[in-house]
Amino acid sequence: MLDLHAAPGNQNGDSHGGCTVEYPYWDTDWNKYWTYEAINALAEICNANTNCYGLEALNEPGWQISRDSLIDYNQKACLVARATGLSLDLPIIFMDWNYEWSNYSNKWYDLFPYS
């Protein structure tokens, strides 16, 4: 599985994102643009490798990021990955360590029909 473990602007403020900050800066149009570019590149690598069994769109986004913004990102990231020809047999993983996720989990298929 290929994992986008750290995104431009740092999605959770932890050191694995490049720096430790109280409020990550990922949730901007500029940083999301470059994150979509990274998703595109990872999906193309996955397409070219028979050993790839999935793609994680963003690892552990922080509690500071709006969940509605995150859902929007996840939907677009899924479309970007699938536009490369990523097979529907290969899952796209969405990880969230936020306690609010239960508010959205019952709508999973409606939110991500192509994941």
Protein backbone atom coordinates (compact mmCIF):
# COMPACT_ATOMS: atom_id res chain seq x y z
CA MET A 1 0.00 0.00 0.00
CA LEU A 2 1.21 3.49 -0.79
CA ASP A 3 0.56 6.00 1.97
CA LEU A 4 0.56 9.78 1.74
CA HIS A 5 1.98 10.05 5.23
CA ALA A 6 2.84 13.76 5.16
CA ALA A 7 1.14 16.39 3.04
CA PRO A 8 2.26 19.91 2.07
CA GLY A 9 1.53 22.22 4.98
CA ASN A 10 1.39 19.32 7.46
CA GLN A 11 -2.05 17.79 7.98
CA ASN A 12 -1.80 17.16 11.71
CA GLY A 13 0.96 19.26 13.27
CA ASP A 14 3.11 16.23 14.16
CA SER A 15 6.80 15.93 13.38
CA HIS A 16 6.31 13.29 10.69
CA GLY A 17 4.72 16.05 8.59
CA GLY A 18 7.97 18.00 8.48
CA CYS A 19 7.53 20.16 11.55
CA THR A 20 5.67 20.19 14.85
CA VAL A 21 3.09 22.97 15.00
CA GLU A 22 0.00 23.58 17.07
CA TYR A 23 -2.15 24.38 14.04
CA PRO A 24 -1.22 22.68 10.76
CA TYR A 25 -1.38 24.74 7.57
CA TRP A 26 -2.53 21.99 5.18
CA ASP A 27 -6.14 23.16 4.83
CA THR A 28 -5.48 25.74 2.08
CA ASP A 29 -6.18 25.62 -1.65
CA TRP A 30 -2.44 25.83 -2.39
CA ASN A 31 -1.49 22.92 -0.15
CA LYS A 32 -4.42 20.82 -1.33
CA TYR A 33 -3.42 21.45 -4.96
CA TRP A 34 0.02 19.96 -4.26
CA THR A 35 -1.53 17.15 -2.25
CA TYR A 36 -3.72 16.23 -5.24
CA GLU A 37 -0.56 16.24 -7.37
CA ALA A 38 1.00 13.80 -4.89
CA ILE A 39 -2.10 11.57 -4.99
CA ASN A 40 -1.90 11.57 -8.78
CA ALA A 41 1.78 10.53 -8.67
CA LEU A 42 1.13 7.80 -6.07
CA ALA A 43 -1.80 6.42 -8.08
CA GLU A 44 0.36 6.29 -11.22
CA ILE A 45 3.06 4.40 -9.30
CA CYS A 46 0.43 2.03 -7.96
CA ASN A 47 -0.93 1.49 -11.49
CA ALA A 48 2.53 0.53 -12.73
CA ASN A 49 3.25 -1.92 -9.90
CA THR A 50 1.43 -5.23 -9.58
CA ASN A 51 2.47 -5.40 -5.91
CA CYS A 52 0.48 -2.31 -4.95
CA TYR A 53 -2.70 -3.23 -3.12
CA GLY A 54 -4.08 0.18 -2.18
CA LEU A 55 -3.55 3.87 -1.62
CA GLU A 56 -4.02 5.92 1.54
CA ALA A 57 -5.15 9.42 0.61
CA LEU A 58 -3.98 11.22 3.76
CA ASN A 59 -2.57 9.89 7.02
CA GLU A 60 -4.06 10.98 10.33
CA PRO A 61 -5.38 14.47 9.60
CA GLY A 62 -5.45 16.54 12.77
CA TRP A 63 -8.44 17.58 14.83
CA GLN A 64 -7.83 21.19 13.76
CA ILE A 65 -8.99 20.48 10.20
CA SER A 66 -12.67 20.93 9.47
CA ARG A 67 -14.21 17.51 8.83
CA ASP A 68 -16.38 18.98 6.07
CA SER A 69 -13.21 20.27 4.39
CA LEU A 70 -11.61 16.87 4.87
CA ILE A 71 -14.59 15.09 3.32
CA ASP A 72 -14.37 17.43 0.33
CA TYR A 73 -10.64 16.66 0.01
CA ASN A 74 -11.22 12.91 0.28
CA GLN A 75 -13.88 12.96 -2.42
CA LYS A 76 -11.62 14.91 -4.80
CA ALA A 77 -8.57 12.78 -3.95
CA CYS A 78 -10.58 9.69 -4.80
CA LEU A 79 -11.55 11.17 -8.17
CA VAL A 80 -7.94 12.21 -8.87
CA ALA A 81 -6.67 8.70 -8.11
CA ARG A 82 -9.36 6.98 -10.17
CA ALA A 83 -8.76 9.36 -13.09
CA THR A 84 -5.30 7.82 -13.47
CA GLY A 85 -6.95 4.50 -14.19
CA LEU A 86 -6.51 3.13 -10.66
CA SER A 87 -8.59 -0.03 -10.64
CA LEU A 88 -11.75 -0.18 -8.57
CA ASP A 89 -10.25 -3.41 -7.20
CA LEU A 90 -7.60 -1.33 -5.41
CA PRO A 91 -8.96 0.39 -2.31
CA ILE A 92 -8.38 4.01 -1.46
CA ILE A 93 -7.99 4.32 2.30
CA PHE A 94 -9.21 7.31 4.29
CA MET A 95 -7.83 7.49 7.81
CA ASP A 96 -9.08 9.79 10.52
CA TRP A 97 -8.19 9.81 14.19
CA ASN A 98 -10.91 12.28 15.04
CA TYR A 99 -13.77 11.58 17.40
CA GLU A 100 -16.20 13.38 15.08
CA TRP A 101 -15.84 10.72 12.39
CA SER A 102 -18.80 8.78 13.78
CA ASN A 103 -20.98 11.69 12.63
CA TYR A 104 -20.09 10.85 9.03
CA SER A 105 -19.44 7.10 9.00
CA ASN A 106 -23.07 6.14 8.44
CA LYS A 107 -22.95 8.05 5.12
CA TRP A 108 -19.77 6.35 3.85
CA TYR A 109 -21.03 5.13 0.48
CA ASP A 110 -22.82 8.40 -0.24
CA LEU A 111 -19.63 10.32 0.51
CA PHE A 112 -17.17 8.07 -1.35
CA PRO A 113 -19.01 5.94 -3.94
CA TYR A 114 -15.82 5.33 -5.95
CA SER A 115 -13.46 4.48 -3.12
